[in-house]
Amino acid sequence: MLLGNGAGGFAEAATYPSGGAGANAVAAADFNGDGKPDLAVTNSGSDNRVSVLLNNGAGGFLAAAPYPGGGTVTWAIAVADFNDDGKMDLVVANGGSDTVGSCWVTAPEDLRR
């Protein structure tokens, strides 16, 4: 991740473990309702999981929390409020099973602070 330095450039890159193997897509949204952008990452090489990294409020992220991706070879991810409840939801494209899986319709309680 490259944070803007306010002068048209970027600070040195910071890396965070994705919570699995084969990270290949990332989406940002506020998953726990604290007003800070969190990350969701597809991990196609580790039991087809989606990991959520919550924003720590200091320019970084907490440890990844893995969730089932709903198919095989989690490949792409999208974020929106699909059920109109005011909370961000996730949907994942699974290239190995040619399916679309939702990780949850409403973010699980353990993501909320």
Protein backbone atom coordinates (compact mmCIF):
# COMPACT_ATOMS: atom_id res chain seq x y z
CA MET A 1 0.00 0.00 0.00
CA LEU A 2 1.28 3.44 -0.89
CA LEU A 3 -0.02 6.34 1.20
CA GLY A 4 -0.06 9.79 -0.39
CA ASN A 5 2.53 12.17 1.04
CA GLY A 6 0.50 15.32 0.34
CA ALA A 7 3.05 16.60 -2.17
CA GLY A 8 1.95 14.63 -5.24
CA GLY A 9 3.98 11.57 -4.33
CA PHE A 10 3.81 8.57 -2.06
CA ALA A 11 5.44 7.36 1.12
CA GLU A 12 7.41 4.12 1.16
CA ALA A 13 5.26 1.05 0.43
CA ALA A 14 3.79 -0.85 3.38
CA THR A 15 2.76 -4.50 3.07
CA TYR A 16 0.23 -6.52 5.06
CA PRO A 17 -0.34 -10.29 5.05
CA SER A 18 -3.49 -11.07 3.06
CA GLY A 19 -4.59 -13.87 5.36
CA GLY A 20 -3.99 -16.58 2.76
CA ALA A 21 -2.16 -17.58 -0.39
CA GLY A 22 -2.80 -16.39 -3.92
CA ALA A 23 -4.06 -12.88 -3.16
CA ASN A 24 -5.28 -11.51 -6.46
CA ALA A 25 -8.02 -8.88 -5.96
CA VAL A 26 -8.73 -6.19 -3.39
CA ALA A 27 -11.68 -3.91 -2.60
CA ALA A 28 -11.97 -1.08 -0.09
CA ALA A 29 -15.07 -0.13 1.92
CA ASP A 30 -16.09 0.59 5.49
CA PHE A 31 -17.15 -2.90 6.64
CA ASN A 32 -17.47 -2.21 10.37
CA GLY A 33 -19.16 1.19 10.36
CA ASP A 34 -16.33 3.19 11.95
CA GLY A 35 -15.98 5.60 9.00
CA LYS A 36 -12.57 4.26 7.92
CA PRO A 37 -11.93 2.28 4.71
CA ASP A 38 -11.17 -1.39 5.33
CA LEU A 39 -9.86 -3.93 2.81
CA ALA A 40 -11.26 -7.19 1.46
CA VAL A 41 -8.84 -9.50 -0.40
CA THR A 42 -9.50 -12.64 -2.43
CA ASN A 43 -7.11 -15.52 -1.66
CA SER A 44 -7.59 -18.07 -4.44
CA GLY A 45 -4.78 -20.35 -3.27
CA SER A 46 -5.88 -20.89 0.34
CA ASP A 47 -9.19 -22.69 0.65
CA ASN A 48 -10.78 -20.00 -1.54
CA ARG A 49 -11.16 -17.46 1.21
CA VAL A 50 -11.85 -13.76 1.33
CA SER A 51 -9.94 -11.92 4.04
CA VAL A 52 -11.01 -8.66 5.64
CA LEU A 53 -8.38 -6.31 7.06
CA LEU A 54 -9.87 -3.64 9.30
CA ASN A 55 -8.36 -0.16 9.27
CA ASN A 56 -6.43 0.58 12.48
CA GLY A 57 -7.00 4.34 12.23
CA ALA A 58 -3.28 5.09 11.99
CA GLY A 59 -2.66 4.47 8.28
CA GLY A 60 -2.48 0.69 8.58
CA PHE A 61 -4.58 -2.42 9.03
CA LEU A 62 -5.24 -5.08 11.66
CA ALA A 63 -4.57 -8.79 11.04
CA ALA A 64 -6.64 -10.37 8.27
CA ALA A 65 -9.82 -12.27 9.22
CA PRO A 66 -10.67 -15.01 6.66
CA TYR A 67 -14.19 -15.90 5.47
CA PRO A 68 -15.40 -18.55 2.97
CA GLY A 69 -15.60 -17.29 -0.61
CA GLY A 70 -18.53 -19.49 -1.61
CA GLY A 71 -16.78 -21.41 -4.41
CA THR A 72 -13.39 -22.34 -5.80
CA VAL A 73 -10.62 -20.07 -7.08
CA THR A 74 -11.90 -16.78 -5.63
CA TRP A 75 -10.85 -14.38 -8.34
CA ALA A 76 -12.63 -11.03 -8.26
CA ILE A 77 -14.48 -9.06 -5.61
CA ALA A 78 -17.05 -6.27 -5.55
CA VAL A 79 -18.51 -4.23 -2.70
CA ALA A 80 -21.93 -2.59 -2.48
CA ASP A 81 -24.98 -2.45 -0.25
CA PHE A 82 -26.76 -5.24 -2.14
CA ASN A 83 -29.67 -5.62 0.29
CA ASP A 84 -30.22 -1.90 1.02
CA ASP A 85 -29.60 -2.20 4.79
CA GLY A 86 -26.97 0.57 4.92
CA LYS A 87 -24.06 -1.89 5.40
CA MET A 88 -21.45 -2.89 2.84
CA ASP A 89 -21.75 -6.43 1.45
CA LEU A 90 -19.29 -8.53 -0.55
CA VAL A 91 -19.71 -10.64 -3.66
CA VAL A 92 -16.95 -12.82 -5.10
CA ALA A 93 -16.47 -14.30 -8.58
CA ASN A 94 -15.20 -17.88 -8.33
CA GLY A 95 -13.25 -18.83 -11.47
CA GLY A 96 -12.79 -22.51 -10.58
CA SER A 97 -16.47 -23.24 -9.99
CA ASP A 98 -17.88 -20.60 -12.39
CA THR A 99 -20.09 -19.22 -9.61
CA VAL A 100 -20.73 -15.98 -7.82
CA GLY A 101 -20.76 -16.25 -4.04
CA SER A 102 -21.67 -13.75 -1.38
CA CYS A 103 -19.54 -13.94 1.73
CA TRP A 104 -22.34 -12.43 3.80
CA VAL A 105 -25.35 -10.27 3.19
CA THR A 106 -24.81 -8.20 6.33
CA ALA A 107 -21.30 -7.92 7.74
CA PRO A 108 -20.86 -10.33 10.66
CA GLU A 109 -20.96 -8.87 14.17
CA ASP A 110 -17.27 -9.59 14.70
CA LEU A 111 -16.40 -6.93 12.08
CA ARG A 112 -18.29 -4.18 13.89
CA ARG A 113 -16.77 -2.18 16.73
